[in-house]
């Protein structure tokens, strides 16, 4: 039965791709975005690539699996971005990539990253984690996403003083402008290599996974049933991120949430008449998008669909109601995540991954603040969230 349901999801994705491909003027962009989102959903689900788990498991149990996967994604994506930059911008000192996630670096980024890290650990998931767990049948995930939407509304309501006091006078730092391509890739590669070496040296090797029942051939079982190693997920995400940037735009999962929050805030009457400078900033900002079909909405929905497909094939789609305390934590943590993502102009995929892959200092600042917030969140809960 689950294979029939998985086939139905795949067929629905193909039909949706054909429909989107027929959209005048935007068909290729939208259909490619659907493919990228569906593939990303499969990767996130099969490798259980969750940023909240990465930091919570490291701080609570000294498990390095997902964090090493993140380092792999950043390394592969950085190499891919460097190839794209080298082809598009021969001299980085003369021009910077306007579409890359090169965000202003200021106190707003530290505050947003810390709130995001604390909220994702306390709430049991980052935005991406909630999205792919929604595809697995979690009833807690939509509660967390509802909290994220509410946090975005609050962030938008507080945006003008944040922008005027913390953002308006600063500019994003793009490392190739100062160090050139060779210096940037050497520095970033060295930092990532040092982080991987530190994790390998200071944390124990993971126990071997228990083999799954031999109901399928070995290759099929490893691809469709057994959990992928996190480094495989990181490798795949790095490649997806590179091709997404080459073909459309950097990866991110919060732009559509921000757009909905902007509409909701306006409807509630708590939104300022004008959001200062927001529509001119690069990143997963809550832009005023008049399109009836948002590109980011296609990516997010396709990600959920890809996770659903992968979970069905692997036999991991299990509707789970969760507990009342778990729902409350997801809601409260989601509010912090949403507020932090709004003032940081993105999340762990947009500001962190896409920013670091683009050699932007903002991605590293967000990562440091996020790690500190996640450490505090781990201490607050005292044990992993269910």
Protein backbone atom coordinates (compact mmCIF):
# COMPACT_ATOMS: atom_id res chain seq x y z
CA UNK A 1 0.00 0.00 0.00
CA UNK A 2 2.78 2.42 0.88
CA UNK A 3 4.40 1.91 -2.52
CA UNK A 4 1.12 2.80 -4.23
CA UNK A 5 0.87 5.96 -2.14
CA UNK A 6 4.49 6.84 -2.96
CA UNK A 7 3.77 6.34 -6.67
CA UNK A 8 0.78 8.66 -6.36
CA UNK A 9 2.97 11.35 -4.76
CA UNK A 10 5.54 10.98 -7.54
CA UNK A 11 2.87 11.21 -10.24
CA UNK A 12 1.38 14.29 -8.57
CA UNK A 13 4.83 15.90 -8.56
CA UNK A 14 5.29 15.17 -12.27
CA UNK A 15 1.86 16.59 -13.11
CA UNK A 16 2.55 19.69 -10.99
CA UNK A 17 5.88 20.13 -12.77
CA UNK A 18 4.20 19.99 -16.18
CA UNK A 19 1.56 22.49 -15.09
CA UNK A 20 4.17 24.87 -13.71
CA UNK A 21 6.29 24.50 -16.84
CA UNK A 22 3.38 25.92 -18.82
CA UNK A 23 3.27 29.16 -16.76
CA UNK A 24 4.04 31.97 -19.18
CA UNK A 25 7.46 33.53 -18.70
CA UNK A 26 8.30 31.56 -15.53
CA UNK A 27 7.72 27.94 -16.51
CA UNK A 28 11.33 26.78 -16.56
CA UNK A 29 12.14 28.53 -13.29
CA UNK A 30 9.12 27.09 -11.48
CA UNK A 31 9.50 23.55 -12.82
CA UNK A 32 13.21 23.47 -11.93
CA UNK A 33 12.39 24.79 -8.47
CA UNK A 34 9.90 21.95 -8.00
CA UNK A 35 12.53 19.39 -8.96
CA UNK A 36 15.10 20.97 -6.62
CA UNK A 37 12.62 21.10 -3.73
CA UNK A 38 11.47 17.51 -4.25
CA UNK A 39 15.07 16.30 -4.34
CA UNK A 40 15.93 18.31 -1.23
CA UNK A 41 12.97 16.82 0.62
CA UNK A 42 14.18 13.32 -0.20
CA UNK A 43 17.69 14.16 0.99
CA UNK A 44 16.54 15.78 4.24
CA UNK A 45 14.26 12.85 5.05
CA UNK A 46 16.61 10.01 4.14
CA UNK A 47 19.59 11.51 5.97
CA UNK A 48 17.49 13.03 8.81
CA UNK A 49 19.38 16.25 8.19
CA UNK A 50 18.03 18.54 10.90
CA UNK A 51 19.99 21.53 12.19
CA UNK A 52 18.34 21.33 15.61
CA UNK A 53 19.45 17.72 15.94
CA UNK A 54 22.96 18.61 14.77
CA UNK A 55 23.62 21.00 17.66
CA UNK A 56 21.40 19.37 20.28
CA UNK A 57 23.00 15.97 19.74
CA UNK A 58 26.49 17.46 19.87
CA UNK A 59 25.91 19.39 23.10
CA UNK A 60 23.81 16.74 24.84
CA UNK A 61 25.28 13.44 23.65
CA UNK A 62 28.50 14.44 21.85
CA UNK A 63 27.17 12.94 18.64
CA UNK A 64 28.80 14.39 15.55
CA UNK A 65 26.88 12.73 12.70
CA UNK A 66 24.66 15.56 11.46
CA UNK A 67 27.16 18.32 12.14
CA UNK A 68 29.74 16.53 9.99
CA UNK A 69 27.06 16.32 7.31
CA UNK A 70 26.59 20.09 7.55
CA UNK A 71 30.33 20.63 7.13
CA UNK A 72 30.25 18.38 4.05
CA UNK A 73 27.36 20.40 2.58
CA UNK A 74 29.19 23.67 3.20
CA UNK A 75 32.41 22.37 1.65
CA UNK A 76 30.72 21.02 -1.48
CA UNK A 77 28.50 24.08 -1.85
CA UNK A 78 31.44 26.44 -1.37
CA UNK A 79 33.36 24.69 -4.17
CA UNK A 80 30.27 24.83 -6.40
CA UNK A 81 29.61 28.50 -5.69
CA UNK A 82 33.25 29.31 -6.37
CA UNK A 83 32.98 27.75 -9.83
CA UNK A 84 29.84 29.77 -10.53
CA UNK A 85 31.36 32.99 -9.23
CA UNK A 86 34.51 32.46 -11.27
CA UNK A 87 32.45 32.08 -14.45
CA UNK A 88 30.12 35.01 -13.74
CA UNK A 89 32.43 37.49 -12.01
CA UNK A 90 36.06 37.22 -13.16
CA UNK A 91 37.22 40.05 -10.87
CA UNK A 92 35.44 40.00 -7.47
CA UNK A 93 36.98 43.35 -6.51
CA UNK A 94 34.90 45.12 -9.17
CA UNK A 95 31.50 43.52 -8.73
CA UNK A 96 29.66 41.43 -6.16
CA UNK A 97 26.91 38.85 -6.88
CA UNK A 98 23.68 40.74 -6.23
CA UNK A 99 21.52 37.63 -5.81
CA UNK A 100 23.75 35.77 -3.35
CA UNK A 101 22.86 35.83 0.34
CA UNK A 102 25.39 38.45 1.44
CA UNK A 103 23.58 40.04 4.37
CA UNK A 104 24.57 42.98 6.60
CA UNK A 105 26.57 41.95 9.66
CA UNK A 106 25.42 43.57 12.87
CA UNK A 107 23.87 43.01 16.28
CA UNK A 108 20.58 42.03 14.65
CA UNK A 109 22.30 38.96 13.20
CA UNK A 110 23.69 37.91 16.58
CA UNK A 111 20.32 38.38 18.25
CA UNK A 112 18.42 36.63 15.47
CA UNK A 113 20.83 33.69 15.33
CA UNK A 114 20.80 33.20 19.11
CA UNK A 115 16.99 33.30 19.28
CA UNK A 116 16.76 30.94 16.32
CA UNK A 117 19.20 28.45 17.88
CA UNK A 118 17.49 28.53 21.27
CA UNK A 119 14.03 28.22 19.75
CA UNK A 120 14.85 25.35 17.40
CA UNK A 121 16.31 23.24 20.22
CA UNK A 122 13.52 23.97 22.70
CA UNK A 123 10.85 23.57 20.01
CA UNK A 124 12.29 20.33 18.66
CA UNK A 125 13.16 21.44 15.14
CA UNK A 126 14.32 24.15 12.77
CA UNK A 127 12.06 25.27 9.93
CA UNK A 128 13.46 22.66 7.54
CA UNK A 129 13.15 19.97 10.19
CA UNK A 130 9.48 20.80 10.71
CA UNK A 131 8.90 20.72 6.94
CA UNK A 132 10.36 17.28 6.32
CA UNK A 133 8.79 15.86 9.48
CA UNK A 134 5.47 17.17 8.21
CA UNK A 135 6.06 14.82 5.27
CA UNK A 136 6.66 12.00 7.76
CA UNK A 137 3.26 12.54 9.37
CA UNK A 138 4.18 14.61 12.43
CA UNK A 139 1.29 16.59 13.93
CA UNK A 140 3.77 18.64 15.99
CA UNK A 141 5.45 20.03 12.86
CA UNK A 142 2.51 22.19 11.69
CA UNK A 143 2.22 23.62 15.22
CA UNK A 144 5.89 24.57 15.08
CA UNK A 145 5.42 26.14 11.65
CA UNK A 146 2.42 28.09 12.97
CA UNK A 147 4.68 29.43 15.72
CA UNK A 148 7.26 30.39 13.08
CA UNK A 149 4.59 32.34 11.20
CA UNK A 150 3.62 34.14 14.40
CA UNK A 151 7.25 34.94 15.15
CA UNK A 152 7.64 36.35 11.66
CA UNK A 153 4.64 38.65 12.22
CA UNK A 154 6.22 39.91 15.45
CA UNK A 155 9.55 40.39 13.69
CA UNK A 156 7.93 42.41 10.93
CA UNK A 157 6.10 44.55 13.47
CA UNK A 158 9.44 45.32 15.17
CA UNK A 159 11.43 45.64 11.93
CA UNK A 160 11.59 49.43 11.45
CA UNK A 161 13.46 50.29 14.68
CA UNK A 162 15.70 47.25 14.18
CA UNK A 163 16.53 48.37 10.65
CA UNK A 164 17.06 52.04 11.49
CA UNK A 165 19.25 51.35 14.53
CA UNK A 166 21.07 48.12 13.65
CA UNK A 167 20.96 47.48 9.90
CA UNK A 168 20.66 50.59 7.75
CA UNK A 169 24.24 51.84 8.17
CA UNK A 170 26.07 48.53 7.57
CA UNK A 171 26.86 46.48 4.51
CA UNK A 172 27.46 42.79 4.01
CA UNK A 173 31.07 41.64 3.79
CA UNK A 174 31.88 39.37 0.84
CA UNK A 175 35.25 37.70 1.40
CA UNK A 176 36.35 37.49 -2.28
CA UNK A 177 36.25 41.30 -2.44
CA UNK A 178 39.02 41.42 0.17
CA UNK A 179 40.87 38.13 -0.29
CA UNK A 180 40.17 37.14 -3.89
CA UNK A 181 38.85 33.75 -4.86
CA UNK A 182 41.98 31.80 -3.98
CA UNK A 183 42.31 33.36 -0.55
CA UNK A 184 38.61 32.92 0.22
CA UNK A 185 38.46 29.24 -0.71
CA UNK A 186 41.70 28.59 1.19
CA UNK A 187 40.44 30.33 4.34
CA UNK A 188 36.96 28.82 4.28
CA UNK A 189 38.23 25.38 3.38
CA UNK A 190 40.73 25.56 6.21
CA UNK A 191 38.08 26.55 8.74
CA UNK A 192 35.76 23.75 7.63
CA UNK A 193 38.59 21.20 7.68
CA UNK A 194 39.62 22.33 11.16
CA UNK A 195 36.03 22.00 12.37
CA UNK A 196 35.75 18.49 10.96
CA UNK A 197 39.08 17.47 12.48
CA UNK A 198 38.03 18.84 15.88
CA UNK A 199 34.76 16.91 15.78
CA UNK A 200 36.50 13.69 14.75
CA UNK A 201 39.07 14.09 17.51
CA UNK A 202 36.81 15.20 20.37
CA UNK A 203 33.70 13.07 19.82
CA UNK A 204 33.34 9.28 19.81
CA UNK A 205 32.74 7.35 16.62
CA UNK A 206 29.05 6.48 16.13
CA UNK A 207 27.91 2.93 16.75
CA UNK A 208 27.22 0.94 13.58
CA UNK A 209 23.59 1.06 12.52
CA UNK A 210 21.54 -2.10 12.90
CA UNK A 211 20.88 -3.72 9.52
CA UNK A 212 17.32 -3.58 8.26
CA UNK A 213 15.41 -6.75 7.34
CA UNK A 214 16.66 -8.19 4.04
CA UNK A 215 13.41 -7.77 2.14
CA UNK A 216 15.03 -5.84 -0.73
CA UNK A 217 18.28 -6.11 -2.69
CA UNK A 218 21.24 -4.55 -0.89
CA UNK A 219 21.51 -1.45 -3.10
CA UNK A 220 17.78 -0.74 -3.05
CA UNK A 221 17.68 -1.25 0.72
CA UNK A 222 20.52 1.17 1.31
CA UNK A 223 19.00 3.83 -0.95
CA UNK A 224 15.31 3.56 -0.08
CA UNK A 225 15.09 2.00 3.40
CA UNK A 226 18.22 2.49 5.49
CA UNK A 227 19.13 5.94 6.78
CA UNK A 228 21.71 7.67 4.62
CA UNK A 229 24.99 8.73 6.24
CA UNK A 230 24.85 12.43 7.01
CA UNK A 231 27.86 13.10 4.79
CA UNK A 232 25.93 11.67 1.84
CA UNK A 233 23.06 14.03 2.64
CA UNK A 234 25.52 16.91 2.94
CA UNK A 235 27.12 16.06 -0.39
CA UNK A 236 23.72 15.95 -2.09
CA UNK A 237 22.58 19.22 -0.49
CA UNK A 238 25.77 20.96 -1.55
CA UNK A 239 25.18 19.90 -5.15
CA UNK A 240 21.50 20.89 -5.05
CA UNK A 241 22.42 24.28 -3.59
CA UNK A 242 24.98 24.87 -6.34
CA UNK A 243 22.62 23.98 -9.18
CA UNK A 244 19.79 25.98 -7.59
CA UNK A 245 21.97 29.08 -7.42
CA UNK A 246 23.22 28.53 -10.96
CA UNK A 247 19.72 28.05 -12.35
CA UNK A 248 17.42 30.20 -10.20
CA UNK A 249 18.33 31.54 -6.75
CA UNK A 250 20.06 30.49 -3.51
CA UNK A 251 18.30 27.89 -1.39
CA UNK A 252 16.01 29.16 1.37
CA UNK A 253 12.75 28.12 3.02
CA UNK A 254 11.54 31.27 4.77
CA UNK A 255 10.74 33.77 2.03
CA UNK A 256 7.23 32.41 1.51
CA UNK A 257 6.62 32.23 5.26
CA UNK A 258 7.68 35.85 5.45
CA UNK A 259 5.38 36.80 2.61
CA UNK A 260 2.42 35.15 4.35
CA UNK A 261 3.38 36.83 7.62
CA UNK A 262 3.47 40.17 5.85
CA UNK A 263 -0.04 39.61 4.55
CA UNK A 264 -1.26 38.37 7.93
CA UNK A 265 0.30 41.28 9.80
CA UNK A 266 -1.29 43.73 7.42
CA UNK A 267 -4.66 42.08 7.87
CA UNK A 268 -4.33 42.28 11.66
CA UNK A 269 -3.38 45.95 11.48
CA UNK A 270 -0.10 45.54 13.36
CA UNK A 271 2.21 46.04 10.37
CA UNK A 272 3.87 49.43 9.80
CA UNK A 273 2.68 51.28 6.74
CA UNK A 274 6.18 50.95 5.34
CA UNK A 275 8.87 48.39 6.14
CA UNK A 276 12.10 50.37 5.90
CA UNK A 277 14.65 48.96 3.46
CA UNK A 278 13.32 45.41 3.61
CA UNK A 279 12.53 44.97 -0.07
CA UNK A 280 16.03 46.13 -1.05
CA UNK A 281 17.93 43.66 1.15
CA UNK A 282 19.30 40.38 -0.19
CA UNK A 283 18.36 37.15 1.57
CA UNK A 284 15.21 35.30 2.56
CA UNK A 285 13.45 38.56 3.33
CA UNK A 286 9.69 38.92 3.65
CA UNK A 287 9.38 40.63 0.29
CA UNK A 288 6.17 42.09 -1.09
CA UNK A 289 5.71 39.50 -3.84
CA UNK A 290 2.71 40.08 -6.10
CA UNK A 291 3.12 36.79 -7.97
CA UNK A 292 0.22 34.37 -7.69
CA UNK A 293 2.74 31.50 -7.66
CA UNK A 294 5.72 32.24 -5.43
CA UNK A 295 8.91 30.44 -6.43
CA UNK A 296 9.79 29.84 -2.80
CA UNK A 297 6.31 28.41 -2.13
CA UNK A 298 6.90 25.89 -4.90
CA UNK A 299 10.23 24.90 -3.33
CA UNK A 300 8.75 24.52 0.17
CA UNK A 301 5.73 22.49 -0.96
CA UNK A 302 7.94 20.31 -3.15
CA UNK A 303 10.28 19.73 -0.20
CA UNK A 304 7.36 18.43 1.87
CA UNK A 305 6.29 16.27 -1.07
CA UNK A 306 9.77 14.83 -1.49
CA UNK A 307 9.98 14.02 2.21
CA UNK A 308 6.54 12.36 2.04
CA UNK A 309 7.63 10.28 -0.97
CA UNK A 310 10.84 9.16 0.75
CA UNK A 311 9.07 8.38 4.02
CA UNK A 312 6.42 6.28 2.25
CA UNK A 313 8.97 4.27 0.30
CA UNK A 314 11.05 3.63 3.43
CA UNK A 315 8.01 2.72 5.54
CA UNK A 316 8.64 5.70 7.83
CA UNK A 317 5.40 7.59 7.26
CA UNK A 318 3.73 7.30 10.64
CA UNK A 319 1.11 9.85 11.74
CA UNK A 320 2.15 10.98 15.21
CA UNK A 321 -0.04 13.24 17.32
CA UNK A 322 2.60 14.13 19.89
CA UNK A 323 1.89 15.35 23.42
CA UNK A 324 0.41 18.58 24.73
CA UNK A 325 3.77 19.70 26.23
CA UNK A 326 5.45 18.87 22.92
CA UNK A 327 2.95 21.02 21.05
CA UNK A 328 3.47 23.92 23.45
CA UNK A 329 7.25 23.68 23.12
CA UNK A 330 6.96 23.53 19.34
CA UNK A 331 4.71 26.60 19.31
CA UNK A 332 6.88 28.66 21.66
CA UNK A 333 10.12 27.55 20.03
CA UNK A 334 8.63 28.29 16.64
CA UNK A 335 7.85 31.88 17.65
CA UNK A 336 11.50 32.40 18.62
CA UNK A 337 12.68 30.74 15.41
CA UNK A 338 10.37 32.89 13.30
CA UNK A 339 11.36 36.14 15.01
CA UNK A 340 15.05 35.25 14.75
CA UNK A 341 14.74 34.28 11.09
CA UNK A 342 12.90 37.50 10.23
CA UNK A 343 15.44 39.89 11.71
CA UNK A 344 18.31 37.75 10.33
CA UNK A 345 16.76 37.73 6.83
CA UNK A 346 16.78 33.95 6.68
CA UNK A 347 17.25 30.67 8.47
CA UNK A 348 19.69 27.77 8.68
CA UNK A 349 19.25 27.08 4.96
CA UNK A 350 19.22 30.66 3.65
CA UNK A 351 21.38 32.76 5.97
CA UNK A 352 23.64 29.97 7.22
CA UNK A 353 24.09 27.52 4.35
CA UNK A 354 23.57 29.80 1.37
CA UNK A 355 25.43 32.62 3.10
CA UNK A 356 28.51 30.57 3.97
CA UNK A 357 28.55 28.90 0.55
CA UNK A 358 28.58 32.40 -0.94
CA UNK A 359 31.61 33.31 1.23
CA UNK A 360 29.60 35.89 3.17
CA UNK A 361 30.69 36.79 6.69
CA UNK A 362 27.01 36.97 7.66
CA UNK A 363 26.65 33.20 7.36
CA UNK A 364 29.48 32.58 9.82
CA UNK A 365 28.20 35.17 12.31
CA UNK A 366 24.75 33.60 12.18
CA UNK A 367 26.30 30.14 12.69
CA UNK A 368 28.23 31.24 15.77
CA UNK A 369 25.18 32.95 17.30
CA UNK A 370 22.99 29.95 16.45
CA UNK A 371 25.44 27.56 18.13
CA UNK A 372 25.45 29.68 21.29
CA UNK A 373 21.65 29.81 21.31
CA UNK A 374 21.43 26.06 20.72
CA UNK A 375 23.84 25.44 23.61
CA UNK A 376 21.65 27.57 25.88
CA UNK A 377 18.55 25.76 24.66
CA UNK A 378 20.14 22.39 25.36
CA UNK A 379 20.95 23.48 28.89
CA UNK A 380 17.40 24.78 29.32
CA UNK A 381 15.66 21.55 28.36
CA UNK A 382 18.22 19.30 30.05
CA UNK A 383 17.46 16.45 27.61
CA UNK A 384 16.53 16.05 23.97
CA UNK A 385 13.01 17.09 23.01
CA UNK A 386 10.74 14.16 22.04
